[in-house]
N, C-alpha and C. Protein backbone atom coordinates (compact mmCIF):
# COMPACT_ATOMS: atom_id res chain seq x y z
N MET A 1 -16.03 -74.52 -79.98
CA MET A 1 -16.55 -73.21 -79.97
C MET A 1 -15.39 -72.22 -80.04
N PRO A 2 -15.53 -71.39 -80.98
CA PRO A 2 -14.41 -70.47 -81.19
C PRO A 2 -14.37 -69.36 -80.13
N GLN A 3 -15.50 -69.00 -79.51
CA GLN A 3 -15.50 -67.93 -78.51
C GLN A 3 -14.72 -68.37 -77.28
N ILE A 4 -14.77 -69.62 -76.94
CA ILE A 4 -14.09 -70.10 -75.74
C ILE A 4 -12.60 -70.14 -76.00
N GLU A 5 -12.18 -70.46 -77.21
CA GLU A 5 -10.76 -70.47 -77.52
C GLU A 5 -10.18 -69.06 -77.47
N GLN A 6 -10.94 -68.08 -77.77
CA GLN A 6 -10.45 -66.70 -77.75
C GLN A 6 -10.28 -66.17 -76.32
N ILE A 7 -10.99 -66.75 -75.42
CA ILE A 7 -10.97 -66.26 -74.04
C ILE A 7 -9.56 -66.40 -73.48
N ALA A 8 -8.93 -67.51 -73.68
CA ALA A 8 -7.60 -67.73 -73.13
C ALA A 8 -6.61 -66.74 -73.72
N ALA A 9 -6.65 -66.47 -74.98
CA ALA A 9 -5.71 -65.55 -75.62
C ALA A 9 -6.01 -64.10 -75.21
N THR A 10 -7.29 -63.79 -75.16
CA THR A 10 -7.69 -62.41 -74.80
C THR A 10 -7.37 -62.14 -73.34
N TYR A 11 -7.76 -63.08 -72.52
CA TYR A 11 -7.52 -62.86 -71.09
C TYR A 11 -6.02 -62.89 -70.76
N ALA A 12 -5.26 -63.66 -71.47
CA ALA A 12 -3.82 -63.74 -71.22
C ALA A 12 -3.18 -62.39 -71.49
N SER A 13 -3.55 -61.73 -72.61
CA SER A 13 -2.96 -60.43 -72.91
C SER A 13 -3.46 -59.37 -71.92
N GLN A 14 -4.71 -59.45 -71.52
CA GLN A 14 -5.24 -58.50 -70.56
C GLN A 14 -4.59 -58.67 -69.19
N ILE A 15 -4.38 -59.92 -68.80
CA ILE A 15 -3.73 -60.19 -67.52
C ILE A 15 -2.29 -59.68 -67.58
N PHE A 16 -1.60 -59.87 -68.72
CA PHE A 16 -0.23 -59.38 -68.88
C PHE A 16 -0.19 -57.87 -68.71
N TRP A 17 -1.06 -57.18 -69.42
CA TRP A 17 -1.06 -55.71 -69.34
C TRP A 17 -1.51 -55.22 -67.94
N LEU A 18 -2.39 -55.99 -67.34
CA LEU A 18 -2.82 -55.63 -65.98
C LEU A 18 -1.65 -55.75 -65.02
N LEU A 19 -0.91 -56.83 -65.08
CA LEU A 19 0.24 -57.03 -64.21
C LEU A 19 1.33 -56.00 -64.51
N LEU A 20 1.55 -55.71 -65.78
CA LEU A 20 2.54 -54.72 -66.16
C LEU A 20 2.14 -53.33 -65.63
N THR A 21 0.88 -52.96 -65.76
CA THR A 21 0.39 -51.66 -65.28
C THR A 21 0.49 -51.57 -63.75
N PHE A 22 0.03 -52.61 -63.05
CA PHE A 22 0.14 -52.61 -61.59
C PHE A 22 1.60 -52.61 -61.15
N GLY A 23 2.45 -53.30 -61.84
CA GLY A 23 3.89 -53.34 -61.51
C GLY A 23 4.50 -51.95 -61.66
N LEU A 24 4.21 -51.29 -62.80
CA LEU A 24 4.73 -49.93 -63.02
C LEU A 24 4.16 -48.96 -61.98
N THR A 25 2.89 -49.08 -61.70
CA THR A 25 2.27 -48.22 -60.70
C THR A 25 2.93 -48.46 -59.34
N PHE A 26 3.18 -49.72 -59.01
CA PHE A 26 3.83 -50.02 -57.74
C PHE A 26 5.23 -49.42 -57.69
N VAL A 27 5.98 -49.57 -58.77
CA VAL A 27 7.34 -49.05 -58.80
C VAL A 27 7.32 -47.52 -58.70
N ILE A 28 6.46 -46.89 -59.45
CA ILE A 28 6.41 -45.42 -59.44
C ILE A 28 5.92 -44.92 -58.08
N VAL A 29 4.82 -45.48 -57.62
CA VAL A 29 4.25 -45.02 -56.35
C VAL A 29 5.11 -45.50 -55.19
N GLY A 30 5.43 -46.75 -55.13
CA GLY A 30 6.14 -47.34 -53.99
C GLY A 30 7.56 -46.84 -53.86
N LEU A 31 8.24 -46.68 -54.99
CA LEU A 31 9.64 -46.28 -54.91
C LEU A 31 9.86 -44.78 -55.12
N GLY A 32 8.91 -44.11 -55.73
CA GLY A 32 9.10 -42.68 -56.00
C GLY A 32 8.31 -41.77 -55.09
N ILE A 33 7.03 -42.01 -54.98
CA ILE A 33 6.16 -41.08 -54.27
C ILE A 33 6.12 -41.37 -52.77
N VAL A 34 5.99 -42.59 -52.37
CA VAL A 34 5.85 -42.94 -50.96
C VAL A 34 7.06 -42.48 -50.14
N PRO A 35 8.31 -42.69 -50.62
CA PRO A 35 9.44 -42.19 -49.82
C PRO A 35 9.42 -40.67 -49.65
N LYS A 36 9.01 -39.95 -50.70
CA LYS A 36 8.95 -38.49 -50.59
C LYS A 36 7.87 -38.07 -49.58
N VAL A 37 6.73 -38.72 -49.63
CA VAL A 37 5.66 -38.41 -48.68
C VAL A 37 6.09 -38.78 -47.27
N SER A 38 6.72 -39.93 -47.12
CA SER A 38 7.20 -40.35 -45.79
C SER A 38 8.23 -39.37 -45.24
N SER A 39 9.17 -38.93 -46.11
CA SER A 39 10.18 -37.99 -45.63
C SER A 39 9.53 -36.64 -45.27
N THR A 40 8.53 -36.24 -46.03
CA THR A 40 7.82 -35.00 -45.71
C THR A 40 7.09 -35.12 -44.38
N MET A 41 6.45 -36.27 -44.16
CA MET A 41 5.75 -36.49 -42.89
C MET A 41 6.73 -36.55 -41.72
N ASP A 42 7.88 -37.22 -41.95
CA ASP A 42 8.89 -37.27 -40.90
C ASP A 42 9.44 -35.87 -40.58
N ALA A 43 9.67 -35.08 -41.62
CA ALA A 43 10.16 -33.71 -41.42
C ALA A 43 9.12 -32.88 -40.68
N ARG A 44 7.86 -33.06 -41.05
CA ARG A 44 6.80 -32.32 -40.36
C ARG A 44 6.69 -32.76 -38.90
N ASP A 45 6.78 -34.07 -38.64
CA ASP A 45 6.76 -34.56 -37.25
C ASP A 45 7.94 -34.00 -36.46
N ALA A 46 9.12 -33.96 -37.09
CA ALA A 46 10.30 -33.41 -36.42
C ALA A 46 10.10 -31.92 -36.15
N SER A 47 9.54 -31.21 -37.11
CA SER A 47 9.28 -29.77 -36.94
C SER A 47 8.27 -29.53 -35.82
N VAL A 48 7.23 -30.35 -35.78
CA VAL A 48 6.23 -30.22 -34.71
C VAL A 48 6.87 -30.51 -33.36
N ALA A 49 7.70 -31.55 -33.31
CA ALA A 49 8.38 -31.90 -32.06
C ALA A 49 9.31 -30.76 -31.62
N GLU A 50 10.04 -30.17 -32.59
CA GLU A 50 10.91 -29.04 -32.26
C GLU A 50 10.09 -27.85 -31.77
N ASN A 51 8.99 -27.59 -32.44
CA ASN A 51 8.13 -26.47 -32.02
C ASN A 51 7.56 -26.71 -30.63
N LEU A 52 7.16 -27.95 -30.35
CA LEU A 52 6.65 -28.27 -29.02
C LEU A 52 7.74 -28.10 -27.96
N ALA A 53 8.95 -28.54 -28.28
CA ALA A 53 10.06 -28.40 -27.35
C ALA A 53 10.38 -26.91 -27.13
N ALA A 54 10.35 -26.15 -28.21
CA ALA A 54 10.61 -24.71 -28.09
C ALA A 54 9.50 -24.04 -27.28
N ALA A 55 8.25 -24.46 -27.49
CA ALA A 55 7.14 -23.89 -26.73
C ALA A 55 7.27 -24.25 -25.25
N GLU A 56 7.66 -25.46 -24.96
CA GLU A 56 7.85 -25.88 -23.57
C GLU A 56 8.98 -25.08 -22.92
N ALA A 57 10.07 -24.90 -23.67
CA ALA A 57 11.18 -24.09 -23.14
C ALA A 57 10.73 -22.65 -22.91
N ALA A 58 9.96 -22.12 -23.84
CA ALA A 58 9.45 -20.75 -23.69
C ALA A 58 8.51 -20.65 -22.49
N ARG A 59 7.67 -21.67 -22.30
CA ARG A 59 6.77 -21.68 -21.15
C ARG A 59 7.56 -21.72 -19.85
N LEU A 60 8.60 -22.56 -19.79
CA LEU A 60 9.44 -22.62 -18.59
C LEU A 60 10.14 -21.28 -18.34
N ALA A 61 10.64 -20.67 -19.41
CA ALA A 61 11.29 -19.36 -19.27
C ALA A 61 10.28 -18.32 -18.79
N ALA A 62 9.06 -18.37 -19.34
CA ALA A 62 8.02 -17.42 -18.92
C ALA A 62 7.65 -17.65 -17.46
N ASP A 63 7.57 -18.92 -17.05
CA ASP A 63 7.26 -19.22 -15.64
C ASP A 63 8.37 -18.69 -14.72
N GLN A 64 9.62 -18.87 -15.13
CA GLN A 64 10.73 -18.36 -14.33
C GLN A 64 10.72 -16.84 -14.28
N ALA A 65 10.44 -16.21 -15.43
CA ALA A 65 10.37 -14.75 -15.47
C ALA A 65 9.22 -14.25 -14.59
N GLU A 66 8.08 -14.95 -14.64
CA GLU A 66 6.95 -14.56 -13.81
C GLU A 66 7.29 -14.72 -12.33
N GLU A 67 7.96 -15.80 -11.99
CA GLU A 67 8.35 -16.03 -10.60
C GLU A 67 9.31 -14.96 -10.12
N ALA A 68 10.28 -14.61 -10.98
CA ALA A 68 11.22 -13.53 -10.63
C ALA A 68 10.48 -12.21 -10.48
N TRP A 69 9.53 -11.94 -11.38
CA TRP A 69 8.76 -10.71 -11.32
C TRP A 69 7.94 -10.66 -10.04
N ARG A 70 7.31 -11.79 -9.69
CA ARG A 70 6.51 -11.83 -8.46
C ARG A 70 7.39 -11.60 -7.23
N ALA A 71 8.59 -12.22 -7.24
CA ALA A 71 9.49 -12.01 -6.11
C ALA A 71 9.90 -10.54 -6.02
N GLN A 72 10.18 -9.94 -7.17
CA GLN A 72 10.56 -8.52 -7.20
C GLN A 72 9.38 -7.65 -6.76
N GLU A 73 8.19 -7.98 -7.21
CA GLU A 73 7.00 -7.21 -6.82
C GLU A 73 6.75 -7.34 -5.33
N ASN A 74 6.88 -8.55 -4.78
CA ASN A 74 6.69 -8.75 -3.34
C ASN A 74 7.74 -7.98 -2.55
N ALA A 75 8.98 -7.97 -3.04
CA ALA A 75 10.03 -7.21 -2.36
C ALA A 75 9.72 -5.72 -2.41
N ALA A 76 9.23 -5.25 -3.54
CA ALA A 76 8.88 -3.82 -3.66
C ALA A 76 7.72 -3.49 -2.73
N ARG A 77 6.74 -4.37 -2.64
CA ARG A 77 5.61 -4.12 -1.73
C ARG A 77 6.09 -4.09 -0.28
N GLU A 78 6.96 -5.01 0.07
CA GLU A 78 7.48 -5.05 1.43
C GLU A 78 8.28 -3.78 1.74
N ALA A 79 9.08 -3.34 0.77
CA ALA A 79 9.84 -2.10 0.96
C ALA A 79 8.88 -0.91 1.11
N ALA A 80 7.82 -0.90 0.33
CA ALA A 80 6.83 0.18 0.43
C ALA A 80 6.14 0.14 1.79
N ARG A 81 5.83 -1.05 2.28
CA ARG A 81 5.21 -1.17 3.60
C ARG A 81 6.16 -0.65 4.69
N LYS A 82 7.45 -1.00 4.55
CA LYS A 82 8.42 -0.53 5.53
C LYS A 82 8.53 0.99 5.49
N ARG A 83 8.57 1.55 4.28
CA ARG A 83 8.66 3.01 4.15
C ARG A 83 7.41 3.67 4.74
N LEU A 84 6.26 3.07 4.47
CA LEU A 84 5.01 3.62 5.00
C LEU A 84 5.00 3.57 6.52
N THR A 85 5.42 2.46 7.09
CA THR A 85 5.49 2.33 8.54
C THR A 85 6.47 3.34 9.12
N GLN A 86 7.62 3.49 8.46
CA GLN A 86 8.62 4.45 8.93
C GLN A 86 8.07 5.87 8.83
N ALA A 87 7.41 6.18 7.72
CA ALA A 87 6.84 7.52 7.55
C ALA A 87 5.77 7.80 8.60
N ARG A 88 4.95 6.79 8.89
CA ARG A 88 3.94 6.95 9.93
C ARG A 88 4.59 7.21 11.28
N ALA A 89 5.64 6.44 11.58
CA ALA A 89 6.33 6.61 12.86
C ALA A 89 6.96 7.99 12.94
N GLU A 90 7.59 8.43 11.84
CA GLU A 90 8.20 9.76 11.84
C GLU A 90 7.13 10.83 11.98
N GLY A 91 6.02 10.67 11.28
CA GLY A 91 4.92 11.63 11.39
C GLY A 91 4.36 11.66 12.79
N GLN A 92 4.20 10.50 13.39
CA GLN A 92 3.70 10.43 14.77
C GLN A 92 4.68 11.10 15.72
N ALA A 93 5.98 10.86 15.51
CA ALA A 93 6.99 11.48 16.37
C ALA A 93 6.97 13.00 16.21
N GLN A 94 6.85 13.47 14.96
CA GLN A 94 6.78 14.92 14.75
C GLN A 94 5.53 15.50 15.38
N THR A 95 4.41 14.78 15.23
CA THR A 95 3.16 15.25 15.83
C THR A 95 3.28 15.29 17.35
N ASP A 96 3.86 14.24 17.92
CA ASP A 96 4.03 14.21 19.37
C ASP A 96 4.94 15.34 19.84
N ALA A 97 6.01 15.59 19.08
CA ALA A 97 6.93 16.67 19.45
C ALA A 97 6.22 18.02 19.35
N ALA A 98 5.44 18.22 18.28
CA ALA A 98 4.71 19.48 18.12
C ALA A 98 3.68 19.64 19.23
N LEU A 99 2.98 18.55 19.58
CA LEU A 99 2.00 18.62 20.66
C LEU A 99 2.67 18.91 21.99
N ALA A 100 3.82 18.29 22.24
CA ALA A 100 4.54 18.52 23.50
C ALA A 100 5.00 19.98 23.56
N SER A 101 5.50 20.48 22.44
CA SER A 101 5.94 21.88 22.40
C SER A 101 4.76 22.82 22.63
N ALA A 102 3.64 22.54 21.96
CA ALA A 102 2.45 23.37 22.13
C ALA A 102 1.94 23.28 23.56
N LYS A 103 1.97 22.08 24.14
CA LYS A 103 1.51 21.91 25.52
C LYS A 103 2.40 22.69 26.47
N ALA A 104 3.71 22.63 26.25
CA ALA A 104 4.63 23.37 27.12
C ALA A 104 4.39 24.87 26.98
N GLU A 105 4.18 25.32 25.75
CA GLU A 105 3.92 26.75 25.53
C GLU A 105 2.62 27.18 26.21
N ILE A 106 1.59 26.33 26.07
CA ILE A 106 0.30 26.64 26.70
C ILE A 106 0.44 26.65 28.22
N GLU A 107 1.18 25.68 28.76
CA GLU A 107 1.39 25.64 30.22
C GLU A 107 2.13 26.89 30.68
N ASP A 108 3.13 27.33 29.89
CA ASP A 108 3.86 28.56 30.24
C ASP A 108 2.92 29.76 30.23
N ARG A 109 2.08 29.83 29.19
CA ARG A 109 1.13 30.93 29.10
C ARG A 109 0.14 30.90 30.27
N VAL A 110 -0.35 29.69 30.58
CA VAL A 110 -1.30 29.56 31.70
C VAL A 110 -0.63 29.97 33.01
N ALA A 111 0.61 29.54 33.20
CA ALA A 111 1.32 29.90 34.44
C ALA A 111 1.52 31.41 34.50
N ALA A 112 1.89 32.02 33.36
CA ALA A 112 2.07 33.47 33.35
C ALA A 112 0.74 34.18 33.62
N ALA A 113 -0.34 33.67 33.02
CA ALA A 113 -1.65 34.28 33.24
C ALA A 113 -2.09 34.11 34.69
N GLU A 114 -1.83 32.93 35.27
CA GLU A 114 -2.18 32.72 36.67
C GLU A 114 -1.38 33.65 37.57
N ALA A 115 -0.10 33.88 37.22
CA ALA A 115 0.73 34.80 38.01
C ALA A 115 0.18 36.21 37.91
N ARG A 116 -0.20 36.61 36.68
CA ARG A 116 -0.78 37.95 36.51
C ARG A 116 -2.10 38.07 37.28
N ILE A 117 -2.90 36.99 37.22
CA ILE A 117 -4.17 37.00 37.95
C ILE A 117 -3.91 37.10 39.46
N ALA A 118 -2.92 36.34 39.95
CA ALA A 118 -2.60 36.39 41.37
C ALA A 118 -2.12 37.79 41.75
N GLU A 119 -1.28 38.40 40.90
CA GLU A 119 -0.81 39.76 41.17
C GLU A 119 -1.98 40.74 41.18
N ALA A 120 -2.87 40.57 40.15
CA ALA A 120 -4.03 41.45 40.07
C ALA A 120 -4.93 41.24 41.28
N SER A 121 -5.11 39.97 41.69
CA SER A 121 -5.94 39.69 42.87
C SER A 121 -5.32 40.31 44.11
N ALA A 122 -4.01 40.18 44.25
CA ALA A 122 -3.33 40.75 45.42
C ALA A 122 -3.44 42.27 45.39
N ALA A 123 -3.24 42.84 44.19
CA ALA A 123 -3.35 44.30 44.08
C ALA A 123 -4.78 44.74 44.38
N ALA A 124 -5.76 43.98 43.83
CA ALA A 124 -7.17 44.32 44.08
C ALA A 124 -7.49 44.16 45.56
N ALA A 125 -6.97 43.09 46.19
CA ALA A 125 -7.22 42.88 47.62
C ALA A 125 -6.61 44.02 48.43
N GLY A 126 -5.40 44.40 47.99
CA GLY A 126 -4.74 45.53 48.68
C GLY A 126 -5.54 46.81 48.52
N GLU A 127 -6.04 47.05 47.33
CA GLU A 127 -6.85 48.25 47.10
C GLU A 127 -8.16 48.18 47.87
N ILE A 128 -8.76 46.96 47.87
CA ILE A 128 -10.01 46.80 48.62
C ILE A 128 -9.76 47.06 50.10
N GLU A 129 -8.64 46.54 50.59
CA GLU A 129 -8.32 46.73 52.00
C GLU A 129 -8.08 48.22 52.30
N THR A 130 -7.40 48.88 51.38
CA THR A 130 -7.15 50.32 51.56
C THR A 130 -8.46 51.09 51.53
N VAL A 131 -9.31 50.77 50.56
CA VAL A 131 -10.59 51.46 50.45
C VAL A 131 -11.44 51.14 51.68
N ALA A 132 -11.44 49.87 52.14
CA ALA A 132 -12.23 49.49 53.31
C ALA A 132 -11.71 50.20 54.55
N THR A 133 -10.39 50.30 54.65
CA THR A 133 -9.80 51.00 55.80
C THR A 133 -10.22 52.47 55.81
N ASP A 134 -10.10 53.10 54.65
CA ASP A 134 -10.52 54.51 54.56
C ASP A 134 -12.02 54.66 54.86
N ALA A 135 -12.82 53.75 54.32
CA ALA A 135 -14.26 53.81 54.56
C ALA A 135 -14.58 53.58 56.03
N ALA A 136 -13.86 52.62 56.66
CA ALA A 136 -14.10 52.34 58.08
C ALA A 136 -13.74 53.56 58.92
N ARG A 137 -12.66 54.23 58.66
CA ARG A 137 -12.26 55.43 59.39
C ARG A 137 -13.30 56.53 59.24
N ASP A 138 -13.79 56.70 57.97
CA ASP A 138 -14.80 57.73 57.73
C ASP A 138 -16.11 57.40 58.46
N ILE A 139 -16.50 56.12 58.40
CA ILE A 139 -17.76 55.72 59.04
C ILE A 139 -17.66 55.91 60.54
N VAL A 140 -16.57 55.47 61.14
CA VAL A 140 -16.40 55.61 62.60
C VAL A 140 -16.38 57.09 62.97
N ALA A 141 -15.71 57.88 62.17
CA ALA A 141 -15.62 59.30 62.46
C ALA A 141 -16.98 59.97 62.33
N ARG A 142 -17.78 59.59 61.41
CA ARG A 142 -19.09 60.20 61.21
C ARG A 142 -20.07 59.70 62.25
N LEU A 143 -20.02 58.42 62.54
CA LEU A 143 -21.01 57.88 63.47
C LEU A 143 -20.68 58.22 64.92
N SER A 144 -19.45 58.02 65.26
CA SER A 144 -19.14 58.23 66.68
C SER A 144 -18.39 59.53 66.91
N GLY A 145 -17.84 60.09 65.92
CA GLY A 145 -17.12 61.33 66.06
C GLY A 145 -15.71 61.10 66.56
N VAL A 146 -15.30 59.87 66.72
CA VAL A 146 -13.95 59.55 67.21
C VAL A 146 -13.04 59.40 65.99
N SER A 147 -11.85 59.89 66.16
CA SER A 147 -10.87 59.76 65.07
C SER A 147 -10.06 58.48 65.29
N VAL A 148 -10.03 57.62 64.27
CA VAL A 148 -9.31 56.34 64.35
C VAL A 148 -8.10 56.45 63.43
N THR A 149 -6.99 55.87 63.91
CA THR A 149 -5.78 55.92 63.08
C THR A 149 -5.91 54.92 61.94
N ALA A 150 -5.11 55.12 60.93
CA ALA A 150 -5.13 54.24 59.76
C ALA A 150 -4.69 52.84 60.14
N ALA A 151 -3.76 52.71 61.08
CA ALA A 151 -3.27 51.40 61.51
C ALA A 151 -4.36 50.64 62.24
N GLU A 152 -5.09 51.32 63.12
CA GLU A 152 -6.17 50.67 63.85
C GLU A 152 -7.28 50.24 62.92
N ALA A 153 -7.65 51.13 61.98
CA ALA A 153 -8.70 50.81 61.02
C ALA A 153 -8.25 49.64 60.12
N GLY A 154 -6.97 49.64 59.71
CA GLY A 154 -6.44 48.55 58.87
C GLY A 154 -6.47 47.23 59.60
N LYS A 155 -6.15 47.27 60.93
CA LYS A 155 -6.19 46.05 61.74
C LYS A 155 -7.60 45.51 61.85
N ALA A 156 -8.56 46.36 62.03
CA ALA A 156 -9.95 45.95 62.15
C ALA A 156 -10.46 45.39 60.81
N VAL A 157 -10.08 46.02 59.72
CA VAL A 157 -10.52 45.55 58.39
C VAL A 157 -9.92 44.17 58.09
N LYS A 158 -8.64 44.00 58.44
CA LYS A 158 -8.00 42.71 58.21
C LYS A 158 -8.67 41.61 59.03
N ALA A 159 -8.99 41.93 60.27
CA ALA A 159 -9.67 40.95 61.13
C ALA A 159 -11.02 40.61 60.57
N ALA A 160 -11.74 41.61 60.02
CA ALA A 160 -13.07 41.35 59.47
C ALA A 160 -12.97 40.56 58.17
N LEU A 161 -11.97 40.85 57.35
CA LEU A 161 -11.81 40.15 56.07
C LEU A 161 -11.33 38.71 56.26
N ASN A 162 -10.46 38.47 57.21
CA ASN A 162 -9.91 37.13 57.42
C ASN A 162 -10.82 36.27 58.27
N GLY A 163 -11.63 36.85 59.05
CA GLY A 163 -12.37 36.12 60.02
C GLY A 163 -13.69 35.69 59.59
């Protein structure tokens, strides 16, 4: 059969060209393209690793900066608290001094007023005693017709007022 004899010749040439095509494809792809793709992937992996390392370093720097900022903020708050406490103490001291000064002034005024009142009371008592003495002399003179001296009338008025 002639068709069977052709199979070996036909398939032999097809197998040859198939092997030649796969061989060339392997050489072109395996030796030309694959190394370029591998080097690109390696470069990208290295770039990613560098970026991750840089990001980690930046994160550590940011953490340190934040920690320094927090320490500075806490120190500023503490200083503000100290200033506030000091200002309160100074204000309280000034208030206490002003109150003490006002109290002393008021006490001086009260003492002066009490002295004036005592003087006025003494003067009023003296006037009352004088008026009572004069009235007692007039009353005794009108009722009994006897003339009483001012000293005797004053003595009687004092005894009546004190007794």
